[in-house]
Amino acid sequence: MYMRPSRENSTDIENNMRNLVYHLERAVVSTSTNTNGALEKINIVIDYKGFTLSKAPPMKATMCTLEILQSHYCERLHRAYMCNTPAIFNVFWRMVKHLIDPNTREKIVFCSAPEARDLVLKEQPDLSQLEKCAFGLLRTEDFNPREYLEEIPFNQSY
C-alpha cells in the first residue's frame, strides 16, 4: 500500500481515518495465504517526496493513524517503509517514537540508510514489484481509481 502525504488535500481528520481504514481493508483483502494457510502481512510505503510543512497533517491525525495501525492492524502489518523523509521529519520522529508501541516501532523502517536498502532487498527481492522510492524498478504512477477498483474487487472474503 503506497501513501503520498504530499498529495493530501483534506483536513477532515475523521474522514481521513475512514479513508485509511478503507484502504487498509482493501490491502488485507488483496493478500493471499502462504503455504501454511496463514494470511500474508501487508507493507505500507509512505513516500514523502514533495512533502512540505504546509501539507503536514495535524498531530491528532498522526496519532490516530498510529493508534489504528498498532491497535487494529498490528498483526497484519509487516513493515511501514518511510521514504524520502525531509530533514524536519527527524525532529518529529524523536518526539513521537516514544509514544509508539515497541512492536509497531520496530516495523517502521526509514529508507534513507544503506541498511534499510539491504532490508528491503532481503524482504522483497523482486524489485519489479516496488516503486523507485522503495528501491524498486516501477515508476511512480498517478492514482487511477478505475484500475484500483477493478483490479482488486472489495467483495472478496478472507
Protein backbone atom coordinates (compact mmCIF):
# COMPACT_ATOMS: atom_id res chain seq x y z
CA MET A 1 0.00 0.00 0.00
CA TYR A 2 1.51 3.32 -1.09
CA MET A 3 0.78 6.59 0.69
CA ARG A 4 1.91 10.01 -0.50
CA PRO A 5 1.41 12.74 2.14
CA SER A 6 2.45 15.47 -0.32
CA ARG A 7 -0.77 14.82 -2.23
CA GLU A 8 -3.04 15.20 0.81
CA ASN A 9 -5.90 17.55 0.01
CA SER A 10 -8.21 17.18 3.00
CA THR A 11 -8.10 18.40 6.58
CA ASP A 12 -11.10 16.39 7.78
CA ILE A 13 -9.42 14.03 10.26
CA GLU A 14 -12.44 11.77 10.78
CA ASN A 15 -12.92 11.18 7.06
CA ASN A 16 -9.17 10.77 6.56
CA MET A 17 -9.19 7.98 9.15
CA ARG A 18 -12.18 6.34 7.44
CA ASN A 19 -10.28 6.54 4.17
CA LEU A 20 -7.20 5.00 5.80
CA VAL A 21 -9.18 2.07 7.22
CA TYR A 22 -10.92 1.52 3.88
CA HIS A 23 -7.58 1.23 2.08
CA LEU A 24 -6.06 -0.93 4.81
CA GLU A 25 -9.02 -3.29 4.49
CA ARG A 26 -8.55 -3.39 0.71
CA ALA A 27 -4.88 -4.21 1.26
CA VAL A 28 -5.84 -7.00 3.66
CA VAL A 29 -8.37 -8.42 1.17
CA SER A 30 -5.75 -8.43 -1.58
CA THR A 31 -3.30 -10.52 0.44
CA SER A 32 -3.03 -14.20 -0.22
CA THR A 33 -2.42 -17.14 2.05
CA ASN A 34 1.05 -18.61 2.42
CA THR A 35 1.94 -22.30 2.28
CA ASN A 36 0.99 -22.71 5.96
CA GLY A 37 -2.52 -21.39 5.29
CA ALA A 38 -1.84 -18.12 7.16
CA LEU A 39 -2.73 -14.78 5.62
CA GLU A 40 0.20 -12.73 4.37
CA LYS A 41 1.04 -9.42 6.02
CA ILE A 42 0.84 -6.02 4.38
CA ASN A 43 3.57 -3.48 3.72
CA ILE A 44 2.97 0.24 3.66
CA VAL A 45 5.28 2.51 1.70
CA ILE A 46 4.96 6.16 2.70
CA ASP A 47 6.68 8.33 0.10
CA TYR A 48 7.36 11.86 1.37
CA LYS A 49 8.72 13.13 -1.95
CA GLY A 50 7.42 16.67 -2.44
CA PHE A 51 6.20 16.90 1.17
CA THR A 52 6.10 20.36 2.77
CA LEU A 53 5.08 21.51 6.22
CA SER A 54 2.01 23.15 4.70
CA LYS A 55 0.84 19.61 3.78
CA ALA A 56 1.63 18.20 7.23
CA PRO A 57 -1.39 16.63 8.91
CA PRO A 58 -2.34 17.82 12.38
CA MET A 59 -0.69 15.90 15.22
CA LYS A 60 -4.11 14.42 16.07
CA ALA A 61 -4.30 12.78 12.62
CA THR A 62 -0.83 11.33 13.01
CA MET A 63 -1.65 9.93 16.45
CA CYS A 64 -4.96 8.47 15.18
CA THR A 65 -3.12 6.79 12.31
CA LEU A 66 -0.60 5.26 14.70
CA GLU A 67 -3.40 4.15 17.03
CA ILE A 68 -5.25 2.44 14.17
CA LEU A 69 -2.12 0.67 12.97
CA GLN A 70 -0.93 -0.55 16.36
CA SER A 71 -4.31 -1.39 17.86
CA HIS A 72 -6.19 -2.84 14.90
CA TYR A 73 -3.60 -3.94 12.32
CA CYS A 74 -0.64 -4.85 14.50
CA GLU A 75 -0.60 -8.49 13.40
CA ARG A 76 -1.30 -7.66 9.74
CA LEU A 77 1.43 -5.04 9.35
CA HIS A 78 4.78 -6.40 8.25
CA ARG A 79 6.61 -3.12 7.64
CA ALA A 80 5.99 0.57 7.13
CA TYR A 81 8.72 1.95 4.87
CA MET A 82 9.28 5.69 5.24
CA CYS A 83 10.84 7.01 2.02
CA ASN A 84 12.21 10.43 1.08
CA THR A 85 11.59 11.87 4.53
CA PRO A 86 12.51 15.56 4.85
CA ALA A 87 15.10 16.62 7.44
CA ILE A 88 12.42 18.16 9.67
CA PHE A 89 10.89 14.71 9.98
CA ASN A 90 13.78 13.61 12.22
CA VAL A 91 12.71 16.13 14.87
CA PHE A 92 9.10 14.94 14.62
CA TRP A 93 10.16 11.27 14.85
CA ARG A 94 12.18 11.91 18.02
CA MET A 95 9.03 13.39 19.61
CA VAL A 96 6.57 10.63 18.70
CA LYS A 97 8.63 7.43 18.63
CA HIS A 98 8.32 7.02 22.39
CA LEU A 99 4.52 7.08 22.08
CA ILE A 100 4.51 4.12 19.70
CA ASP A 101 4.24 0.55 20.90
CA PRO A 102 7.72 -1.06 20.67
CA ASN A 103 6.43 -3.88 18.43
CA THR A 104 4.98 -1.37 15.99
CA ARG A 105 8.05 0.90 16.24
CA GLU A 106 10.37 -1.90 15.12
CA LYS A 107 8.24 -2.38 11.98
CA ILE A 108 8.94 1.20 10.86
CA VAL A 109 11.92 1.46 8.51
CA PHE A 110 13.43 4.70 7.26
CA CYS A 111 14.67 4.05 3.74
CA SER A 112 17.43 6.64 3.67
CA ALA A 113 20.17 4.47 5.16
CA PRO A 114 22.06 1.69 3.33
CA GLU A 115 20.89 -0.81 5.99
CA ALA A 116 17.28 -0.03 5.07
CA ARG A 117 18.01 -0.73 1.41
CA ASP A 118 19.57 -4.07 2.38
CA LEU A 119 16.48 -4.93 4.46
CA VAL A 120 14.10 -4.03 1.63
CA LEU A 121 16.11 -6.09 -0.85
CA LYS A 122 16.23 -9.03 1.55
CA GLU A 123 12.48 -8.95 2.21
CA GLN A 124 11.39 -8.04 -1.32
CA PRO A 125 13.93 -9.41 -3.80
CA ASP A 126 11.58 -8.88 -6.78
CA LEU A 127 12.21 -5.19 -7.40
CA SER A 128 9.78 -5.19 -10.32
CA GLN A 129 7.02 -5.11 -7.69
CA LEU A 130 8.23 -1.92 -5.95
CA GLU A 131 8.27 1.72 -6.93
CA LYS A 132 11.58 3.60 -7.14
CA CYS A 133 11.02 5.34 -3.79
CA ALA A 134 11.40 1.91 -2.14
CA PHE A 135 14.43 0.90 -4.25
CA GLY A 136 12.26 -0.80 -6.86
CA LEU A 137 12.01 -0.57 -10.62
CA LEU A 138 8.45 0.74 -11.03
CA ARG A 139 7.99 4.41 -11.72
CA THR A 140 5.59 6.36 -9.54
CA GLU A 141 2.14 6.29 -11.05
CA ASP A 142 -0.69 8.73 -10.57
CA PHE A 143 -3.65 7.20 -8.77
CA ASN A 144 -6.04 5.55 -11.20
CA PRO A 145 -9.32 4.80 -9.39
CA ARG A 146 -10.73 2.72 -12.25
CA GLU A 147 -7.70 0.41 -12.28
CA TYR A 148 -7.64 0.28 -8.48
CA LEU A 149 -11.31 -0.61 -8.10
CA GLU A 150 -11.41 -3.11 -10.97
CA GLU A 151 -8.14 -4.89 -10.21
CA ILE A 152 -8.98 -5.84 -6.62
CA PRO A 153 -12.71 -6.23 -6.08
CA PHE A 154 -13.68 -5.43 -2.50
CA ASN A 155 -16.27 -8.17 -2.32
CA GLN A 156 -13.71 -10.92 -1.73
CA SER A 157 -13.86 -12.57 1.66
CA TYR A 158 -10.96 -13.83 3.68
